[in-house]
Amino acid sequence: MRTILREIKKKNTKEEIVRQAVALFKQKGYDQVTVEEIAHNSGIAKGTFFNYFPKKEHILLHLAESHSQLMGQIVARHNEGAPKERIYRVLRDLLDIYLKYSGLLRLTLVETIKSAAESREAPSNMAVLQEAVRDLIEEAKHGGSLRSRWDSDAAASVLAGVFFHTLITHASDAREEAILESLRLQLDVVWEGIADE
């Protein structure tokens, strides 16, 4: 029973750290917030903070991982239609999340890119998206709705790259119409090379 209560307390503390950090990031800007402020606002000692996150940047990676958990739900929601349209709807839903939290997610995008380059231990958001798109492509190939001479991993890598490129290109311009138009155009261009249609 004590172990269960201890785990619940740890989970609640971690959630409170994240909640307070996000509030401070929104209020003051990420670079102006210190670990000391996050710890103080969370009601913990600075040393306790490091039991949960090795550095302030890891809060952003935690947020990115939390959003990546939505991937399965988003893909499942778009389980019908032509493969290209399904992929576009998945990317559009991810883009909607990005736009809803654009200020904070710009920071998580930077940390995700750095993390993907530095560590091969845990799958990054990029890898999670790539895997979801690869699975969708494989399903379409096996179901006969997509003929392609390209390896599914390579195709998924390119499509995930298009999505992240779109986010990076439009990081300073959060106009949904412009981003969606760019994403659609790039997806169309890439799809011509992926599908044997």
Protein backbone atom coordinates (compact mmCIF):
# COMPACT_ATOMS: atom_id res chain seq x y z
CA MET A 1 0.00 0.00 0.00
CA ARG A 2 2.84 2.41 0.84
CA THR A 3 4.45 1.73 -2.53
CA ILE A 4 1.23 2.60 -4.34
CA LEU A 5 0.80 5.81 -2.34
CA ARG A 6 4.44 6.75 -2.95
CA GLU A 7 4.00 6.22 -6.72
CA ILE A 8 0.83 8.32 -6.73
CA LYS A 9 2.63 11.09 -4.84
CA LYS A 10 5.56 10.97 -7.29
CA LYS A 11 3.20 11.15 -10.25
CA ASN A 12 1.30 14.08 -8.71
CA THR A 13 4.54 15.91 -7.93
CA LYS A 14 5.79 15.45 -11.50
CA GLU A 15 2.48 16.72 -12.89
CA GLU A 16 2.64 19.74 -10.58
CA ILE A 17 6.20 20.54 -11.68
CA VAL A 18 5.12 20.41 -15.32
CA ARG A 19 1.99 22.48 -14.64
CA GLN A 20 3.94 25.18 -12.79
CA ALA A 21 6.73 25.20 -15.38
CA VAL A 22 4.26 25.64 -18.25
CA ALA A 23 2.53 28.49 -16.41
CA LEU A 24 5.88 30.20 -15.82
CA PHE A 25 7.04 29.61 -19.41
CA LYS A 26 3.85 31.24 -20.70
CA GLN A 27 4.10 34.13 -18.27
CA LYS A 28 7.80 34.97 -18.47
CA GLY A 29 9.18 33.11 -21.46
CA TYR A 30 11.18 29.91 -21.33
CA ASP A 31 14.64 31.49 -21.12
CA GLN A 32 13.67 33.76 -18.21
CA VAL A 33 12.43 30.91 -15.98
CA THR A 34 14.85 29.22 -13.59
CA VAL A 35 14.73 25.79 -12.01
CA GLU A 36 14.56 27.56 -8.64
CA GLU A 37 11.33 29.34 -9.66
CA ILE A 38 9.77 26.15 -10.95
CA ALA A 39 10.68 24.30 -7.74
CA HIS A 40 9.41 27.15 -5.54
CA ASN A 41 6.09 27.39 -7.38
CA SER A 42 5.74 23.60 -7.22
CA GLY A 43 6.26 23.58 -3.46
CA ILE A 44 9.42 21.48 -3.61
CA ALA A 45 13.12 21.98 -2.99
CA LYS A 46 15.40 22.65 -5.95
CA GLY A 47 17.15 19.32 -5.36
CA THR A 48 13.82 17.51 -5.54
CA PHE A 49 13.26 18.97 -9.01
CA PHE A 50 16.30 17.05 -10.24
CA ASN A 51 14.78 13.77 -9.01
CA TYR A 52 12.15 14.27 -11.72
CA PHE A 53 13.96 16.16 -14.49
CA PRO A 54 17.74 16.29 -15.07
CA LYS A 55 17.45 19.76 -16.65
CA LYS A 56 14.81 22.36 -17.38
CA GLU A 57 14.83 21.28 -21.03
CA HIS A 58 13.55 17.85 -20.04
CA ILE A 59 10.21 19.39 -19.09
CA LEU A 60 9.78 20.33 -22.74
CA LEU A 61 10.76 16.81 -23.80
CA HIS A 62 8.21 15.44 -21.34
CA LEU A 63 5.54 17.64 -22.91
CA ALA A 64 6.57 16.46 -26.36
CA GLU A 65 6.33 12.83 -25.23
CA SER A 66 2.88 13.50 -23.78
CA HIS A 67 1.73 14.83 -27.14
CA SER A 68 3.23 11.84 -28.91
CA GLN A 69 0.96 9.59 -26.84
CA LEU A 70 -1.93 11.13 -28.74
CA MET A 71 -0.52 9.71 -31.97
CA GLY A 72 -2.28 6.37 -31.67
CA GLN A 73 -5.60 8.07 -31.00
CA ILE A 74 -5.16 10.42 -33.95
CA VAL A 75 -4.21 7.62 -36.35
CA ALA A 76 -7.12 5.46 -35.13
CA ARG A 77 -9.52 8.36 -35.72
CA HIS A 78 -8.53 8.41 -39.40
CA ASN A 79 -8.88 4.74 -40.27
CA GLU A 80 -10.81 5.13 -43.52
CA GLY A 81 -10.13 6.63 -46.91
CA ALA A 82 -7.26 6.82 -49.36
CA PRO A 83 -3.80 6.54 -47.76
CA LYS A 84 -2.72 10.04 -48.82
CA GLU A 85 -5.86 11.60 -47.34
CA ARG A 86 -5.48 9.63 -44.12
CA ILE A 87 -1.88 10.78 -43.76
CA TYR A 88 -2.90 14.38 -44.48
CA ARG A 89 -5.68 14.23 -41.84
CA VAL A 90 -3.26 12.80 -39.25
CA LEU A 91 -0.73 15.55 -39.99
CA ARG A 92 -3.49 18.18 -39.94
CA ASP A 93 -4.65 17.02 -36.49
CA LEU A 94 -1.05 17.19 -35.22
CA LEU A 95 -0.78 20.66 -36.72
CA ASP A 96 -3.98 21.70 -34.90
CA ILE A 97 -2.39 20.67 -31.61
CA TYR A 98 0.75 22.58 -32.53
CA LEU A 99 -1.22 25.73 -33.35
CA LYS A 100 -3.26 25.50 -30.16
CA TYR A 101 -0.08 25.52 -28.07
CA SER A 102 2.24 27.14 -30.61
CA GLY A 103 4.40 29.19 -28.25
CA LEU A 104 5.19 26.29 -25.99
CA LEU A 105 5.41 23.71 -28.75
CA ARG A 106 7.93 25.78 -30.68
CA LEU A 107 10.21 25.26 -27.72
CA THR A 108 9.41 21.55 -27.56
CA LEU A 109 10.11 21.28 -31.28
CA VAL A 110 13.61 22.67 -30.77
CA GLU A 111 14.24 20.31 -27.86
CA THR A 112 12.81 17.37 -29.82
CA ILE A 113 15.20 18.03 -32.70
CA LYS A 114 18.15 18.37 -30.32
CA SER A 115 17.12 15.24 -28.43
CA ALA A 116 16.73 13.20 -31.62
CA ALA A 117 20.22 14.23 -32.69
CA GLU A 118 21.81 13.56 -29.29
CA SER A 119 20.10 10.39 -28.07
CA ARG A 120 19.13 7.10 -29.60
CA GLU A 121 17.82 5.62 -26.32
CA ALA A 122 14.16 6.65 -26.36
CA PRO A 123 12.10 7.28 -29.47
CA SER A 124 11.71 10.96 -30.23
CA ASN A 125 8.50 12.60 -31.43
CA MET A 126 9.95 12.37 -34.90
CA ALA A 127 10.43 8.63 -34.58
CA VAL A 128 6.93 8.16 -33.14
CA LEU A 129 5.38 10.08 -36.05
CA GLN A 130 7.51 8.21 -38.56
CA GLU A 131 6.47 4.86 -37.10
CA ALA A 132 2.77 5.78 -37.18
CA VAL A 133 3.01 6.89 -40.82
CA ARG A 134 5.00 3.77 -41.72
CA ASP A 135 2.30 1.57 -40.18
CA LEU A 136 -0.36 3.43 -42.13
CA ILE A 137 1.60 2.96 -45.37
CA GLU A 138 2.14 -0.74 -44.64
CA GLU A 139 -1.56 -1.21 -43.92
CA ALA A 140 -2.46 0.51 -47.20
CA LYS A 141 0.05 -1.63 -49.13
CA HIS A 142 -1.26 -4.86 -47.63
CA GLY A 143 -4.86 -3.76 -48.16
CA GLY A 144 -4.17 -3.00 -51.81
CA SER A 145 -5.03 0.70 -51.63
CA LEU A 146 -1.39 1.76 -52.17
CA ARG A 147 1.12 0.48 -54.66
CA SER A 148 4.62 1.74 -54.07
CA ARG A 149 8.08 0.60 -55.00
CA TRP A 150 9.54 2.50 -52.05
CA ASP A 151 10.42 1.04 -48.69
CA SER A 152 7.76 2.02 -46.14
CA ASP A 153 10.36 3.24 -43.63
CA ALA A 154 11.96 5.54 -46.20
CA ALA A 155 8.59 6.88 -47.34
CA ALA A 156 7.49 7.48 -43.74
CA SER A 157 10.76 9.26 -42.99
CA VAL A 158 10.21 11.63 -45.90
CA LEU A 159 6.59 12.32 -44.92
CA ALA A 160 7.51 12.95 -41.27
CA GLY A 161 10.30 15.21 -42.53
CA VAL A 162 7.78 17.18 -44.60
CA PHE A 163 5.66 17.71 -41.48
CA PHE A 164 8.55 18.88 -39.30
CA HIS A 165 9.94 21.00 -42.13
CA THR A 166 6.54 22.70 -42.39
CA LEU A 167 6.53 23.41 -38.65
CA ILE A 168 10.07 24.80 -38.74
CA THR A 169 9.42 26.90 -41.85
CA HIS A 170 6.28 28.42 -40.36
CA ALA A 171 7.52 28.70 -36.76
CA SER A 172 7.18 32.48 -36.80
CA ASP A 173 3.89 32.47 -38.75
CA ALA A 174 1.07 30.65 -37.01
CA ARG A 175 -1.57 31.37 -39.67
CA GLU A 176 -3.36 28.08 -40.00
CA GLU A 177 -4.38 28.56 -43.63
CA ALA A 178 -0.83 29.25 -44.80
CA ILE A 179 0.58 26.28 -42.91
CA LEU A 180 -2.12 23.90 -44.14
CA GLU A 181 -1.64 25.09 -47.71
CA SER A 182 2.11 24.55 -47.45
CA LEU A 183 1.65 21.12 -45.86
CA ARG A 184 -0.85 20.05 -48.55
CA LEU A 185 1.40 21.26 -51.37
CA GLN A 186 4.47 19.50 -49.99
CA LEU A 187 2.51 16.32 -49.36
CA ASP A 188 1.25 16.41 -52.97
CA VAL A 189 4.77 16.89 -54.31
CA VAL A 190 6.22 14.09 -52.21
CA TRP A 191 3.30 11.75 -52.86
CA GLU A 192 3.97 11.91 -56.61
CA GLY A 193 7.32 10.28 -55.91
CA ILE A 194 6.09 7.74 -53.38
CA ALA A 195 2.98 6.32 -55.00
CA ASP A 196 3.01 4.48 -58.32
CA GLU A 197 -0.26 6.02 -59.43
